[in-house]
């Protein structure tokens, strides 16, 4: 990933990761869904314990759905 030619590559990878929070209706609060970095053209989300398949119906569905909704309906802002 670090080899991709994105604008301000050094600044992008040098920034601290931010928490990606997801609302969990079952417990009524937000939980940490992962960690992300973002600039004007690129988003990089890390989902812990996801393995190769993030949209796992048993443990990562809420994170995956929230991320896709943010990308589609929130102008890519996490």
PDB file of N, CA and C in Angstrom:
ATOM      1  N   UNK A   1       0.820  -1.189   0.000  1.00  0.00           N
ATOM      2  CA  UNK A   1       0.000   0.000   0.000  1.00  0.00           C
ATOM      3  C   UNK A   1       0.867   1.258   0.000  1.00  0.00           C
ATOM      4  N   UNK A   2       1.971   1.200   0.700  1.00  0.00           N
ATOM      5  CA  UNK A   2       2.824   2.388   0.797  1.00  0.00           C
ATOM      6  C   UNK A   2       3.511   2.726  -0.519  1.00  0.00           C
ATOM      7  N   UNK A   3       3.478   1.818  -1.473  1.00  0.00           N
ATOM      8  CA  UNK A   3       4.086   2.077  -2.775  1.00  0.00           C
ATOM      9  C   UNK A   3       3.135   2.796  -3.739  1.00  0.00           C
ATOM     10  N   UNK A   4       1.862   2.922  -3.380  1.00  0.00           N
ATOM     11  CA  UNK A   4       0.910   3.620  -4.250  1.00  0.00           C
ATOM     12  C   UNK A   4       1.315   5.072  -4.440  1.00  0.00           C
ATOM     13  N   UNK A   5       1.086   5.570  -5.622  1.00  0.00           N
ATOM     14  CA  UNK A   5       1.410   6.966  -5.932  1.00  0.00           C
ATOM     15  C   UNK A   5       0.185   7.837  -5.643  1.00  0.00           C
ATOM     16  N   UNK A   6       0.083   8.291  -4.398  1.00  0.00           N
ATOM     17  CA  UNK A   6      -1.027   9.162  -4.003  1.00  0.00           C
ATOM     18  C   UNK A   6      -0.465  10.533  -3.660  1.00  0.00           C
ATOM     19  N   UNK A   7      -1.281  11.581  -3.787  1.00  0.00           N
ATOM     20  CA  UNK A   7      -0.810  12.926  -3.446  1.00  0.00           C
ATOM     21  C   UNK A   7      -0.370  13.005  -1.984  1.00  0.00           C
ATOM     22  N   UNK A   8       0.716  13.704  -1.739  1.00  0.00           N
ATOM     23  CA  UNK A   8       1.237  13.904  -0.382  1.00  0.00           C
ATOM     24  C   UNK A   8       1.424  12.575   0.356  1.00  0.00           C
ATOM     25  N   UNK A   9       2.051  11.629  -0.327  1.00  0.00           N
ATOM     26  CA  UNK A   9       2.224  10.280   0.217  1.00  0.00           C
ATOM     27  C   UNK A   9       2.921  10.289   1.577  1.00  0.00           C
ATOM     28  N   UNK A  10       3.973  11.080   1.717  1.00  0.00           N
ATOM     29  CA  UNK A  10       4.706  11.102   2.982  1.00  0.00           C
ATOM     30  C   UNK A  10       3.839  11.636   4.114  1.00  0.00           C
ATOM     31  N   UNK A  11       3.080  12.686   3.838  1.00  0.00           N
ATOM     32  CA  UNK A  11       2.198  13.250   4.863  1.00  0.00           C
ATOM     33  C   UNK A  11       1.078  12.268   5.213  1.00  0.00           C
ATOM     34  N   UNK A  12       0.564  11.568   4.209  1.00  0.00           N
ATOM     35  CA  UNK A  12      -0.516  10.610   4.443  1.00  0.00           C
ATOM     36  C   UNK A  12      -0.066   9.508   5.392  1.00  0.00           C
ATOM     37  N   UNK A  13       1.057   8.860   5.087  1.00  0.00           N
ATOM     38  CA  UNK A  13       1.530   7.754   5.922  1.00  0.00           C
ATOM     39  C   UNK A  13       2.144   8.240   7.229  1.00  0.00           C
ATOM     40  N   UNK A  14       2.512   9.505   7.299  1.00  0.00           N
ATOM     41  CA  UNK A  14       3.086  10.048   8.524  1.00  0.00           C
ATOM     42  C   UNK A  14       2.051  10.462   9.549  1.00  0.00           C
ATOM     43  N   UNK A  15       0.798  10.624   9.126  1.00  0.00           N
ATOM     44  CA  UNK A  15      -0.225  11.056  10.071  1.00  0.00           C
ATOM     45  C   UNK A  15      -0.597   9.922  11.036  1.00  0.00           C
ATOM     46  N   UNK A  16      -1.033  10.287  12.202  1.00  0.00           N
ATOM     47  CA  UNK A  16      -1.478   9.302  13.187  1.00  0.00           C
ATOM     48  C   UNK A  16      -2.785   8.673  12.732  1.00  0.00           C
ATOM     49  N   UNK A  17      -2.952   7.393  13.041  1.00  0.00           N
ATOM     50  CA  UNK A  17      -4.227   6.734  12.731  1.00  0.00           C
ATOM     51  C   UNK A  17      -5.314   7.294  13.648  1.00  0.00           C
ATOM     52  N   UNK A  18      -6.508   7.420  13.093  1.00  0.00           N
ATOM     53  CA  UNK A  18      -7.648   7.899  13.866  1.00  0.00           C
ATOM     54  C   UNK A  18      -8.580   6.719  14.141  1.00  0.00           C
ATOM     55  N   UNK A  19      -9.322   6.804  15.241  1.00  0.00           N
ATOM     56  CA  UNK A  19     -10.289   5.750  15.560  1.00  0.00           C
ATOM     57  C   UNK A  19     -11.492   5.847  14.633  1.00  0.00           C
ATOM     58  N   UNK A  20     -11.925   4.714  14.113  1.00  0.00           N
ATOM     59  CA  UNK A  20     -13.153   4.648  13.334  1.00  0.00           C
ATOM     60  C   UNK A  20     -14.205   4.027  14.241  1.00  0.00           C
ATOM     61  N   UNK A  21     -15.163   4.838  14.658  1.00  0.00           N
ATOM     62  CA  UNK A  21     -16.179   4.383  15.606  1.00  0.00           C
ATOM     63  C   UNK A  21     -17.462   4.026  14.879  1.00  0.00           C
ATOM     64  N   UNK A  22     -18.120   2.991  15.381  1.00  0.00           N
ATOM     65  CA  UNK A  22     -19.357   2.475  14.803  1.00  0.00           C
ATOM     66  C   UNK A  22     -20.388   2.388  15.924  1.00  0.00           C
ATOM     67  N   UNK A  23     -21.612   2.823  15.640  1.00  0.00           N
ATOM     68  CA  UNK A  23     -22.677   2.727  16.642  1.00  0.00           C
ATOM     69  C   UNK A  23     -23.188   1.296  16.698  1.00  0.00           C
ATOM     70  N   UNK A  24     -23.201   0.716  17.872  1.00  0.00           N
ATOM     71  CA  UNK A  24     -23.691  -0.641  18.075  1.00  0.00           C
ATOM     72  C   UNK A  24     -25.050  -0.567  18.746  1.00  0.00           C
ATOM     73  N   UNK A  25     -26.095  -0.839  17.979  1.00  0.00           N
ATOM     74  CA  UNK A  25     -27.461  -0.739  18.497  1.00  0.00           C
ATOM     75  C   UNK A  25     -27.721  -1.725  19.632  1.00  0.00           C
ATOM     76  N   UNK A  26     -27.061  -2.858  19.615  1.00  0.00           N
ATOM     77  CA  UNK A  26     -27.293  -3.887  20.624  1.00  0.00           C
ATOM     78  C   UNK A  26     -26.918  -3.405  22.023  1.00  0.00           C
ATOM     79  N   UNK A  27     -25.864  -2.590  22.113  1.00  0.00           N
ATOM     80  CA  UNK A  27     -25.447  -2.102  23.428  1.00  0.00           C
ATOM     81  C   UNK A  27     -25.708  -0.611  23.613  1.00  0.00           C
ATOM     82  N   UNK A  28     -26.150   0.060  22.541  1.00  0.00           N
ATOM     83  CA  UNK A  28     -26.552   1.463  22.641  1.00  0.00           C
ATOM     84  C   UNK A  28     -25.425   2.465  22.747  1.00  0.00           C
ATOM     85  N   UNK A  29     -24.256   2.140  22.233  1.00  0.00           N
ATOM     86  CA  UNK A  29     -23.127   3.056  22.292  1.00  0.00           C
ATOM     87  C   UNK A  29     -22.204   2.811  21.096  1.00  0.00           C
ATOM     88  N   UNK A  30     -21.195   3.653  20.968  1.00  0.00           N
ATOM     89  CA  UNK A  30     -20.238   3.457  19.882  1.00  0.00           C
ATOM     90  C   UNK A  30     -19.112   2.529  20.332  1.00  0.00           C
ATOM     91  N   UNK A  31     -18.600   1.780  19.373  1.00  0.00           N
ATOM     92  CA  UNK A  31     -17.467   0.885  19.619  1.00  0.00           C
ATOM     93  C   UNK A  31     -16.409   1.162  18.564  1.00  0.00           C
ATOM     94  N   UNK A  32     -15.184   0.795  18.850  1.00  0.00           N
ATOM     95  CA  UNK A  32     -14.112   0.977  17.881  1.00  0.00           C
ATOM     96  C   UNK A  32     -14.240  -0.080  16.791  1.00  0.00           C
ATOM     97  N   UNK A  33     -14.406   0.390  15.559  1.00  0.00           N
ATOM     98  CA  UNK A  33     -14.528  -0.523  14.429  1.00  0.00           C
ATOM     99  C   UNK A  33     -13.215  -0.720  13.705  1.00  0.00           C
ATOM    100  N   UNK A  34     -12.293   0.209  13.898  1.00  0.00           N
ATOM    101  CA  UNK A  34     -11.003   0.110  13.243  1.00  0.00           C
ATOM    102  C   UNK A  34     -10.239   1.405  13.374  1.00  0.00           C
ATOM    103  N   UNK A  35      -9.236   1.543  12.526  1.00  0.00           N
ATOM    104  CA  UNK A  35      -8.362   2.718  12.532  1.00  0.00           C
ATOM    105  C   UNK A  35      -8.187   3.169  11.089  1.00  0.00           C
ATOM    106  N   UNK A  36      -8.110   4.484  10.872  1.00  0.00           N
ATOM    107  CA  UNK A  36      -8.018   4.957   9.494  1.00  0.00           C
ATOM    108  C   UNK A  36      -7.068   6.134   9.346  1.00  0.00           C
ATOM    109  N   UNK A  37      -6.654   6.294   8.095  1.00  0.00           N
ATOM    110  CA  UNK A  37      -5.938   7.487   7.635  1.00  0.00           C
ATOM    111  C   UNK A  37      -6.711   7.972   6.415  1.00  0.00           C
ATOM    112  N   UNK A  38      -6.671   9.288   6.180  1.00  0.00           N
ATOM    113  CA  UNK A  38      -7.484   9.835   5.101  1.00  0.00           C
ATOM    114  C   UNK A  38      -6.854  11.100   4.558  1.00  0.00           C
ATOM    115  N   UNK A  39      -6.940  11.267   3.238  1.00  0.00           N
ATOM    116  CA  UNK A  39      -6.638  12.567   2.638  1.00  0.00           C
ATOM    117  C   UNK A  39      -7.709  12.856   1.597  1.00  0.00           C
ATOM    118  N   UNK A  40      -7.491  13.813   0.738  1.00  0.00           N
ATOM    119  CA  UNK A  40      -8.547  14.230  -0.194  1.00  0.00           C
ATOM    120  C   UNK A  40      -8.891  13.181  -1.244  1.00  0.00           C
ATOM    121  N   UNK A  41      -8.004  12.219  -1.502  1.00  0.00           N
ATOM    122  CA  UNK A  41      -8.268  11.237  -2.554  1.00  0.00           C
ATOM    123  C   UNK A  41      -8.153   9.779  -2.113  1.00  0.00           C
ATOM    124  N   UNK A  42      -7.760   9.524  -0.874  1.00  0.00           N
ATOM    125  CA  UNK A  42      -7.504   8.144  -0.476  1.00  0.00           C
ATOM    126  C   UNK A  42      -7.887   7.924   0.985  1.00  0.00           C
ATOM    127  N   UNK A  43      -8.586   6.814   1.243  1.00  0.00           N
ATOM    128  CA  UNK A  43      -8.936   6.390   2.596  1.00  0.00           C
ATOM    129  C   UNK A  43      -8.326   5.015   2.830  1.00  0.00           C
ATOM    130  N   UNK A  44      -7.745   4.809   3.996  1.00  0.00           N
ATOM    131  CA  UNK A  44      -7.151   3.527   4.340  1.00  0.00           C
ATOM    132  C   UNK A  44      -7.684   3.120   5.701  1.00  0.00           C
ATOM    133  N   UNK A  45      -8.513   2.076   5.724  1.00  0.00           N
ATOM    134  CA  UNK A  45      -9.145   1.606   6.951  1.00  0.00           C
ATOM    135  C   UNK A  45      -8.572   0.247   7.316  1.00  0.00           C
ATOM    136  N   UNK A  46      -8.177   0.090   8.574  1.00  0.00           N
ATOM    137  CA  UNK A  46      -7.710  -1.183   9.103  1.00  0.00           C
ATOM    138  C   UNK A  46      -8.747  -1.684  10.089  1.00  0.00           C
ATOM    139  N   UNK A  47      -9.233  -2.900   9.873  1.00  0.00           N
ATOM    140  CA  UNK A  47     -10.221  -3.501  10.764  1.00  0.00           C
ATOM    141  C   UNK A  47      -9.552  -4.661  11.486  1.00  0.00           C
ATOM    142  N   UNK A  48      -9.324  -4.528  12.794  1.00  0.00           N
ATOM    143  CA  UNK A  48      -8.660  -5.587  13.542  1.00  0.00           C
ATOM    144  C   UNK A  48      -9.415  -6.915  13.481  1.00  0.00           C
ATOM    145  N   UNK A  49      -8.669  -7.992  13.422  1.00  0.00           N
ATOM    146  CA  UNK A  49      -9.193  -9.365  13.424  1.00  0.00           C
ATOM    147  C   UNK A  49     -10.088  -9.665  12.225  1.00  0.00           C
ATOM    148  N   UNK A  50      -9.936  -8.917  11.135  1.00  0.00           N
ATOM    149  CA  UNK A  50     -10.784  -9.142   9.969  1.00  0.00           C
ATOM    150  C   UNK A  50     -10.242 -10.238   9.067  1.00  0.00           C
ATOM    151  N   UNK A  51      -8.959 -10.490   9.119  1.00  0.00           N
ATOM    152  CA  UNK A  51      -8.400 -11.464   8.194  1.00  0.00           C
ATOM    153  C   UNK A  51      -8.491 -10.938   6.774  1.00  0.00           C
ATOM    154  N   UNK A  52      -8.775 -11.813   5.835  1.00  0.00           N
ATOM    155  CA  UNK A  52      -8.864 -11.410   4.427  1.00  0.00           C
ATOM    156  C   UNK A  52     -10.268 -10.952   4.048  1.00  0.00           C
ATOM    157  N   UNK A  53     -11.242 -11.211   4.893  1.00  0.00           N
ATOM    158  CA  UNK A  53     -12.632 -10.936   4.548  1.00  0.00           C
ATOM    159  C   UNK A  53     -13.269 -10.003   5.575  1.00  0.00           C
ATOM    160  N   UNK A  54     -13.212  -8.716   5.328  1.00  0.00           N
ATOM    161  CA  UNK A  54     -13.781  -7.759   6.279  1.00  0.00           C
ATOM    162  C   UNK A  54     -15.289  -7.920   6.427  1.00  0.00           C
ATOM    163  N   UNK A  55     -16.057  -8.059   5.327  1.00  0.00           N
ATOM    164  CA  UNK A  55     -17.515  -8.129   5.521  1.00  0.00           C
ATOM    165  C   UNK A  55     -17.984  -9.489   6.020  1.00  0.00           C
ATOM    166  N   UNK A  56     -17.434  -9.919   7.119  1.00  0.00           N
ATOM    167  CA  UNK A  56     -17.793 -11.191   7.716  1.00  0.00           C
ATOM    168  C   UNK A  56     -19.112 -11.014   8.462  1.00  0.00           C
ATOM    169  N   UNK A  57     -20.098 -11.815   8.153  1.00  0.00           N
ATOM    170  CA  UNK A  57     -21.425 -11.661   8.744  1.00  0.00           C
ATOM    171  C   UNK A  57     -21.433 -11.931  10.242  1.00  0.00           C
ATOM    172  N   UNK A  58     -20.419 -12.623  10.754  1.00  0.00           N
ATOM    173  CA  UNK A  58     -20.458 -12.965  12.168  1.00  0.00           C
ATOM    174  C   UNK A  58     -19.813 -11.930  13.069  1.00  0.00           C
ATOM    175  N   UNK A  59     -18.799 -11.179  12.554  1.00  0.00           N
ATOM    176  CA  UNK A  59     -18.147 -10.261  13.478  1.00  0.00           C
ATOM    177  C   UNK A  59     -17.769  -8.899  12.910  1.00  0.00           C
ATOM    178  N   UNK A  60     -17.832  -8.685  11.620  1.00  0.00           N
ATOM    179  CA  UNK A  60     -17.422  -7.392  11.063  1.00  0.00           C
ATOM    180  C   UNK A  60     -18.481  -6.751  10.172  1.00  0.00           C
ATOM    181  N   UNK A  61     -19.656  -7.286  10.169  1.00  0.00           N
ATOM    182  CA  UNK A  61     -20.696  -6.759   9.295  1.00  0.00           C
ATOM    183  C   UNK A  61     -21.010  -5.297   9.604  1.00  0.00           C
ATOM    184  N   UNK A  62     -21.145  -4.955  10.878  1.00  0.00           N
ATOM    185  CA  UNK A  62     -21.505  -3.582  11.249  1.00  0.00           C
ATOM    186  C   UNK A  62     -20.442  -2.587  10.810  1.00  0.00           C
ATOM    187  N   UNK A  63     -19.178  -2.958  10.968  1.00  0.00           N
ATOM    188  CA  UNK A  63     -18.086  -2.075  10.550  1.00  0.00           C
ATOM    189  C   UNK A  63     -18.096  -1.898   9.038  1.00  0.00           C
ATOM    190  N   UNK A  64     -18.250  -2.997   8.313  1.00  0.00           N
ATOM    191  CA  UNK A  64     -18.256  -2.941   6.853  1.00  0.00           C
ATOM    192  C   UNK A  64     -19.412  -2.096   6.345  1.00  0.00           C
ATOM    193  N   UNK A  65     -20.600  -2.317   6.869  1.00  0.00           N
ATOM    194  CA  UNK A  65     -21.772  -1.554   6.438  1.00  0.00           C
ATOM    195  C   UNK A  65     -21.609  -0.069   6.763  1.00  0.00           C
ATOM    196  N   UNK A  66     -21.117   0.250   7.944  1.00  0.00           N
ATOM    197  CA  UNK A  66     -20.918   1.649   8.325  1.00  0.00           C
ATOM    198  C   UNK A  66     -19.896   2.323   7.413  1.00  0.00           C
ATOM    199  N   UNK A  67     -18.803   1.619   7.113  1.00  0.00           N
ATOM    200  CA  UNK A  67     -17.774   2.171   6.236  1.00  0.00           C
ATOM    201  C   UNK A  67     -18.336   2.438   4.840  1.00  0.00           C
ATOM    202  N   UNK A  68     -19.062   1.485   4.284  1.00  0.00           N
ATOM    203  CA  UNK A  68     -19.639   1.679   2.945  1.00  0.00           C
ATOM    204  C   UNK A  68     -20.643   2.830   2.934  1.00  0.00           C
ATOM    205  N   UNK A  69     -21.464   2.927   3.971  1.00  0.00           N
ATOM    206  CA  UNK A  69     -22.419   4.038   4.048  1.00  0.00           C
ATOM    207  C   UNK A  69     -21.698   5.376   4.130  1.00  0.00           C
ATOM    208  N   UNK A  70     -20.640   5.446   4.944  1.00  0.00           N
ATOM    209  CA  UNK A  70     -19.879   6.688   5.041  1.00  0.00           C
ATOM    210  C   UNK A  70     -19.287   7.069   3.689  1.00  0.00           C
ATOM    211  N   UNK A  71     -18.760   6.094   2.980  1.00  0.00           N
ATOM    212  CA  UNK A  71     -18.149   6.372   1.680  1.00  0.00           C
ATOM    213  C   UNK A  71     -19.190   6.788   0.660  1.00  0.00           C
ATOM    214  N   UNK A  72     -20.368   6.199   0.701  1.00  0.00           N
ATOM    215  CA  UNK A  72     -21.388   6.493  -0.300  1.00  0.00           C
ATOM    216  C   UNK A  72     -22.198   7.745   0.017  1.00  0.00           C
ATOM    217  N   UNK A  73     -22.541   7.939   1.273  1.00  0.00           N
ATOM    218  CA  UNK A  73     -23.494   8.992   1.628  1.00  0.00           C
ATOM    219  C   UNK A  73     -22.901  10.135   2.444  1.00  0.00           C
ATOM    220  N   UNK A  74     -21.611  10.065   2.766  1.00  0.00           N
ATOM    221  CA  UNK A  74     -20.993  11.082   3.600  1.00  0.00           C
ATOM    222  C   UNK A  74     -19.819  11.729   2.863  1.00  0.00           C
ATOM    223  N   UNK A  75     -19.875  11.689   1.551  1.00  0.00           N
ATOM    224  CA  UNK A  75     -18.816  12.255   0.704  1.00  0.00           C
ATOM    225  C   UNK A  75     -17.435  11.723   1.056  1.00  0.00           C
ATOM    226  N   UNK A  76     -17.381  10.454   1.462  1.00  0.00           N
ATOM    227  CA  UNK A  76     -16.101   9.827   1.756  1.00  0.00           C
ATOM    228  C   UNK A  76     -15.451  10.250   3.057  1.00  0.00           C
ATOM    229  N   UNK A  77     -16.180  11.001   3.875  1.00  0.00           N
ATOM    230  CA  UNK A  77     -15.627  11.445   5.156  1.00  0.00           C
ATOM    231  C   UNK A  77     -15.946  10.417   6.228  1.00  0.00           C
ATOM    232  N   UNK A  78     -14.934   9.966   6.913  1.00  0.00           N
ATOM    233  CA  UNK A  78     -15.127   8.976   7.977  1.00  0.00           C
ATOM    234  C   UNK A  78     -15.315   9.644   9.315  1.00  0.00           C
TER     235      UNK A  78
END
